């Protein structure tokens, strides 16, 4: 049975210039990027953290090197474009696509300390280039879909593991979904995401946590997905909010999008990988007197 974890990334992204000259992904926080939006506090803010594997070459051009470069690129693009971008990868089985954790460059110090450690198997490290227009006018003219698609084209052009497509969801959200992958014999085969399957749910009022459990159970009954209960956050939020949702022969992805879209609540992006993680969605902005921060994105109250 395939075993994958459903990961929900809560991304509330903002960028605000810091008074300290600290570097974040190759970008000085002392000077705010010209593309950032100026906002006034108080707002739900959190410190800007670097994204693993992301390096800014010049303003608007980044390289991302990671076992999951498209997942890291999605996080970067969320910060720049202010739209939720989910990520759905396959179960990697081809010897050409996977490697032991000990062979990843970022684990070099760990292997020196523990010479016999090999760690779990996962996708091999690869690189993508990310080009993002530096002005709001350029970004609007090009459109989020074309900017994201250019990264997927670069990923394919580099012959990185897996072939991915871009799905545009409702309300301006996106998901990066694997559509073809090599199997254990090295043959390229079509891939179906667990969120592609059609499911039905009895309409009932539940907490978001309970509704997500029902969703995962419905997906697992359609095949040998072996999805696990999603990692949930922020703490207590999904247990304290109740929703009334049912579904009749709908794509699981569409049902999931409805479950996590709460009027006035934070915007979410999900991920399906072999490792559980949690990420909040936001957009870059400048807060006078504070600097570069992440601003939480929320749905309209109505």
Protein backbone atom coordinates (compact mmCIF):
# COMPACT_ATOMS: atom_id res chain seq x y z
CA UNK A 1 0.00 0.00 0.00
CA UNK A 2 1.22 3.49 -0.82
CA UNK A 3 1.77 5.58 2.27
CA UNK A 4 1.73 9.32 1.84
CA UNK A 5 0.95 12.12 4.25
CA UNK A 6 -1.45 14.92 3.38
CA UNK A 7 0.14 18.18 4.44
CA UNK A 8 -1.71 21.43 4.83
CA UNK A 9 0.45 24.50 4.49
CA UNK A 10 -0.99 27.61 6.06
CA UNK A 11 0.71 30.37 4.19
CA UNK A 12 0.19 33.97 5.25
CA UNK A 13 2.99 35.72 3.38
CA UNK A 14 4.27 39.27 3.79
CA UNK A 15 7.55 40.94 3.13
CA UNK A 16 8.65 43.93 5.21
CA UNK A 17 12.08 45.57 5.22
CA UNK A 18 14.04 44.99 8.43
CA UNK A 19 16.20 47.60 10.10
CA UNK A 20 18.89 44.95 10.48
CA UNK A 21 20.79 44.15 7.30
CA UNK A 22 20.06 40.43 7.59
CA UNK A 23 20.01 38.42 4.36
CA UNK A 24 16.96 36.32 3.52
CA UNK A 25 17.49 34.05 0.49
CA UNK A 26 20.20 36.36 -0.80
CA UNK A 27 18.08 39.50 -0.36
CA UNK A 28 19.01 42.21 2.11
CA UNK A 29 16.21 43.01 4.51
CA UNK A 30 17.54 46.54 4.98
CA UNK A 31 16.22 47.65 1.60
CA UNK A 32 12.63 46.63 0.89
CA UNK A 33 11.97 45.16 -2.56
CA UNK A 34 10.35 47.60 -4.98
CA UNK A 35 7.58 45.06 -5.62
CA UNK A 36 6.39 44.94 -2.00
CA UNK A 37 3.15 46.58 -0.96
CA UNK A 38 3.16 49.24 1.78
CA UNK A 39 0.78 48.52 4.62
CA UNK A 40 0.05 49.95 8.02
CA UNK A 41 0.04 47.95 11.29
CA UNK A 42 -1.57 46.47 13.28
CA UNK A 43 -1.86 43.38 11.10
CA UNK A 44 -1.25 39.63 11.63
CA UNK A 45 2.49 39.56 11.06
CA UNK A 46 5.29 37.08 11.57
CA UNK A 47 9.04 37.26 10.94
CA UNK A 48 10.26 36.41 7.47
CA UNK A 49 12.11 33.09 7.44
CA UNK A 50 14.42 31.84 4.68
CA UNK A 51 13.17 29.10 2.37
CA UNK A 52 15.43 26.07 2.18
CA UNK A 53 17.42 25.91 -1.05
CA UNK A 54 16.35 29.33 -2.40
CA UNK A 55 19.07 31.74 -3.57
CA UNK A 56 18.40 35.11 -5.18
CA UNK A 57 20.82 35.62 -8.08
CA UNK A 58 19.61 39.13 -8.94
CA UNK A 59 16.38 40.98 -8.21
CA UNK A 60 13.57 38.88 -9.66
CA UNK A 61 15.71 35.83 -10.49
CA UNK A 62 16.11 32.89 -8.09
CA UNK A 63 17.56 29.38 -8.18
CA UNK A 64 15.99 26.67 -6.03
CA UNK A 65 17.98 23.51 -5.24
CA UNK A 66 16.19 20.93 -3.09
CA UNK A 67 14.78 17.39 -3.21
CA UNK A 68 11.43 19.09 -3.80
CA UNK A 69 12.34 22.26 -5.72
CA UNK A 70 8.79 22.86 -6.98
CA UNK A 71 7.44 22.77 -3.41
CA UNK A 72 10.03 25.33 -2.33
CA UNK A 73 9.36 27.39 -5.47
CA UNK A 74 5.63 27.35 -4.67
CA UNK A 75 6.36 28.86 -1.27
CA UNK A 76 8.54 31.56 -2.83
CA UNK A 77 5.93 32.37 -5.48
CA UNK A 78 3.23 32.61 -2.81
CA UNK A 79 5.24 35.27 -1.03
CA UNK A 80 5.73 37.25 -4.22
CA UNK A 81 2.31 36.82 -5.85
CA UNK A 82 0.03 36.57 -2.81
CA UNK A 83 -1.91 33.53 -4.04
CA UNK A 84 -2.16 30.03 -2.48
CA UNK A 85 -0.10 27.47 -4.43
CA UNK A 86 -0.47 23.84 -3.39
CA UNK A 87 1.84 20.96 -4.31
CA UNK A 88 0.96 17.32 -5.07
CA UNK A 89 3.79 14.92 -5.79
CA UNK A 90 3.82 11.17 -6.58
CA UNK A 91 5.24 8.29 -4.61
CA UNK A 92 8.78 8.10 -6.00
CA UNK A 93 9.80 4.56 -7.03
CA UNK A 94 12.34 4.90 -9.86
CA UNK A 95 15.98 4.33 -8.87
CA UNK A 96 16.88 7.33 -11.03
CA UNK A 97 14.56 9.62 -9.06
CA UNK A 98 15.36 8.66 -5.47
CA UNK A 99 18.38 8.66 -3.18
CA UNK A 100 19.19 8.07 0.47
CA UNK A 101 18.94 11.09 2.77
CA UNK A 102 22.63 10.63 3.64
CA UNK A 103 23.56 11.42 0.01
CA UNK A 104 21.89 14.84 0.03
CA UNK A 105 24.39 17.73 0.30
CA UNK A 106 22.46 19.36 3.15
CA UNK A 107 23.00 16.26 5.31
CA UNK A 108 26.78 16.20 4.91
CA UNK A 109 27.48 17.28 8.51
CA UNK A 110 25.08 14.63 9.82
CA UNK A 111 26.87 11.86 7.91
CA UNK A 112 30.22 13.01 9.32
CA UNK A 113 28.83 12.73 12.84
CA UNK A 114 27.05 9.42 12.13
CA UNK A 115 29.07 7.64 9.38
CA UNK A 116 26.77 4.60 9.26
CA UNK A 117 23.54 6.59 8.95
CA UNK A 118 21.80 6.38 5.57
CA UNK A 119 18.33 7.73 6.36
CA UNK A 120 15.12 7.23 4.38
CA UNK A 121 14.83 7.23 0.61
CA UNK A 122 13.38 10.33 -1.03
CA UNK A 123 13.52 12.32 -4.29
CA UNK A 124 16.98 13.27 -5.47
CA UNK A 125 18.00 16.90 -5.24
CA UNK A 126 17.43 19.02 -8.35
CA UNK A 127 17.34 22.68 -9.37
CA UNK A 128 14.82 25.04 -10.97
CA UNK A 129 15.07 28.68 -12.01
CA UNK A 130 12.34 31.06 -10.86
CA UNK A 131 11.77 34.36 -12.67
CA UNK A 132 9.39 36.84 -11.02
CA UNK A 133 8.70 40.34 -12.40
CA UNK A 134 9.86 42.95 -9.91
CA UNK A 135 6.98 45.39 -10.33
CA UNK A 136 3.29 44.94 -9.62
CA UNK A 137 2.40 46.18 -13.10
CA UNK A 138 4.60 43.54 -14.74
CA UNK A 139 3.23 40.77 -12.52
CA UNK A 140 -0.38 41.75 -13.34
CA UNK A 141 0.39 42.00 -17.04
CA UNK A 142 1.97 38.53 -17.13
CA UNK A 143 -0.45 36.91 -14.67
CA UNK A 144 0.23 34.45 -11.87
CA UNK A 145 -0.53 31.38 -14.01
CA UNK A 146 2.12 32.21 -16.61
CA UNK A 147 4.72 33.01 -13.96
CA UNK A 148 4.12 29.68 -12.18
CA UNK A 149 3.96 27.75 -15.45
CA UNK A 150 7.38 29.09 -16.48
CA UNK A 151 8.87 27.37 -13.41
CA UNK A 152 7.22 24.06 -14.34
CA UNK A 153 8.57 24.43 -17.89
CA UNK A 154 12.07 24.99 -16.49
CA UNK A 155 11.67 21.92 -14.26
CA UNK A 156 10.76 19.79 -17.27
CA UNK A 157 13.49 21.30 -19.44
CA UNK A 158 16.09 20.30 -16.85
CA UNK A 159 14.75 16.72 -16.90
CA UNK A 160 14.15 16.78 -13.16
CA UNK A 161 12.18 13.92 -11.55
CA UNK A 162 8.49 13.87 -12.47
CA UNK A 163 6.43 15.89 -14.95
CA UNK A 164 4.07 18.39 -13.36
CA UNK A 165 1.06 20.38 -14.55
CA UNK A 166 -0.57 23.51 -13.16
CA UNK A 167 -4.22 23.46 -12.10
CA UNK A 168 -6.07 26.71 -11.50
CA UNK A 169 -8.54 26.33 -8.64
CA UNK A 170 -11.37 28.60 -7.60
CA UNK A 171 -10.76 32.07 -6.17
CA UNK A 172 -7.35 32.48 -7.78
CA UNK A 173 -5.63 29.54 -6.06
CA UNK A 174 -3.39 27.01 -7.84
CA UNK A 175 -2.03 23.52 -7.38
CA UNK A 176 1.14 22.02 -8.88
CA UNK A 177 0.27 18.37 -9.62
CA UNK A 178 2.44 15.50 -10.88
CA UNK A 179 0.96 13.99 -14.06
CA UNK A 180 3.73 11.60 -15.19
CA UNK A 181 6.55 9.84 -13.34
CA UNK A 182 8.96 6.95 -13.85
CA UNK A 183 7.92 3.67 -12.23
CA UNK A 184 10.27 1.17 -10.56
CA UNK A 185 11.36 -0.13 -13.99
CA UNK A 186 12.20 3.36 -15.29
CA UNK A 187 9.18 3.51 -17.60
CA UNK A 188 7.28 6.83 -17.73
CA UNK A 189 3.68 6.27 -16.62
CA UNK A 190 0.65 8.47 -16.01
CA UNK A 191 0.15 9.51 -12.38
CA UNK A 192 -3.14 10.14 -10.62
CA UNK A 193 -3.11 12.32 -7.52
CA UNK A 194 -5.23 11.17 -4.55
CA UNK A 195 -7.05 14.49 -4.88
CA UNK A 196 -8.12 13.63 -8.44
CA UNK A 197 -10.45 10.86 -7.25
CA UNK A 198 -14.17 11.54 -7.02
CA UNK A 199 -15.76 11.14 -3.60
CA UNK A 200 -19.05 11.57 -1.79
CA UNK A 201 -19.50 12.78 1.79
CA UNK A 202 -22.73 12.89 3.83
CA UNK A 203 -23.69 16.50 4.51
CA UNK A 204 -23.19 17.11 8.21
CA UNK A 205 -21.88 19.76 10.59
CA UNK A 206 -18.43 18.88 11.89
CA UNK A 207 -15.22 20.59 12.96
CA UNK A 208 -12.73 21.15 10.16
CA UNK A 209 -10.52 18.46 11.71
CA UNK A 210 -13.36 15.94 11.65
CA UNK A 211 -14.30 16.90 8.09
CA UNK A 212 -10.70 16.41 6.94
CA UNK A 213 -10.67 12.97 8.56
CA UNK A 214 -13.84 12.04 6.68
CA UNK A 215 -12.29 13.36 3.44
CA UNK A 216 -9.14 11.25 3.89
CA UNK A 217 -11.21 8.16 4.67
CA UNK A 218 -13.30 8.71 1.53
CA UNK A 219 -10.14 9.02 -0.60
CA UNK A 220 -8.61 5.87 0.87
CA UNK A 221 -11.71 3.79 0.12
CA UNK A 222 -11.25 4.49 -3.61
CA UNK A 223 -7.86 2.72 -3.80
CA UNK A 224 -4.64 1.86 -2.03
CA UNK A 225 -3.57 5.43 -1.36
CA UNK A 226 -2.87 4.96 2.33
CA UNK A 227 -3.19 8.67 3.05
CA UNK A 228 -2.62 9.58 6.67
CA UNK A 229 -4.47 12.09 8.82
CA UNK A 230 -3.29 15.56 7.74
CA UNK A 231 -1.01 17.68 9.85
CA UNK A 232 -3.16 20.57 10.99
CA UNK A 233 -2.55 24.13 12.14
CA UNK A 234 -2.57 26.73 13.51
CA UNK A 235 -2.99 24.93 16.86
CA UNK A 236 -6.65 24.54 17.79
CA UNK A 237 -8.00 26.41 14.75
CA UNK A 238 -9.33 23.39 12.87
CA UNK A 239 -10.75 21.92 16.07
CA UNK A 240 -12.60 25.13 16.98
CA UNK A 241 -14.24 25.96 13.65
CA UNK A 242 -17.31 24.03 12.49
CA UNK A 243 -18.44 23.67 8.88
CA UNK A 244 -21.40 22.00 7.20
CA UNK A 245 -20.18 20.29 4.07
CA UNK A 246 -21.30 17.38 1.94
CA UNK A 247 -20.23 16.14 -1.48
CA UNK A 248 -21.73 14.00 -4.21
CA UNK A 249 -19.29 12.53 -6.72
CA UNK A 250 -16.95 15.54 -6.60
CA UNK A 251 -13.19 15.69 -7.11
CA UNK A 252 -11.51 15.43 -3.69
CA UNK A 253 -9.44 18.51 -4.50
CA UNK A 254 -12.56 20.66 -4.93
CA UNK A 255 -14.05 19.34 -1.71
CA UNK A 256 -10.82 20.08 0.16
CA UNK A 257 -10.77 23.64 -1.20
CA UNK A 258 -14.30 24.19 0.16
CA UNK A 259 -13.44 22.70 3.56
CA UNK A 260 -10.56 25.07 4.26
CA UNK A 261 -12.17 28.21 2.80
CA UNK A 262 -13.73 29.88 5.84
CA UNK A 263 -15.09 33.44 5.44
CA UNK A 264 -12.74 35.72 7.34
CA UNK A 265 -10.35 32.81 7.97
CA UNK A 266 -6.77 32.34 6.80
CA UNK A 267 -5.94 31.14 3.31
CA UNK A 268 -4.45 27.66 3.08
CA UNK A 269 -2.37 25.74 0.59
CA UNK A 270 -1.96 21.98 0.91
CA UNK A 271 0.77 19.58 0.00
CA UNK A 272 1.01 15.85 -0.54
CA UNK A 273 4.53 14.51 -0.05
CA UNK A 274 6.21 11.68 1.80
CA UNK A 275 7.09 14.00 4.70
CA UNK A 276 4.69 15.99 6.86
CA UNK A 277 5.14 19.72 7.14
CA UNK A 278 3.08 22.81 7.79
CA UNK A 279 3.30 26.13 5.98
CA UNK A 280 1.28 29.34 6.25
CA UNK A 281 0.38 31.45 3.15
CA UNK A 282 1.10 35.17 2.82
CA UNK A 283 2.33 38.00 0.59
CA UNK A 284 5.30 40.38 0.69
CA UNK A 285 4.59 43.84 2.05
CA UNK A 286 6.36 46.77 3.71
CA UNK A 287 5.38 47.87 7.22
CA UNK A 288 6.79 51.33 8.04
CA UNK A 289 9.01 51.27 11.11
CA UNK A 290 9.17 47.47 11.24
CA UNK A 291 10.68 46.21 8.04
CA UNK A 292 10.21 42.99 6.09
CA UNK A 293 7.63 40.62 7.60
CA UNK A 294 5.03 38.13 6.44
CA UNK A 295 1.42 39.33 6.33
CA UNK A 296 -1.30 36.72 6.78
CA UNK A 297 -3.79 36.41 3.93
CA UNK A 298 -7.43 35.88 4.84
CA UNK A 299 -10.60 35.26 2.87
CA UNK A 300 -13.20 38.05 2.81
CA UNK A 301 -15.69 37.83 5.67
CA UNK A 302 -18.59 37.69 3.23
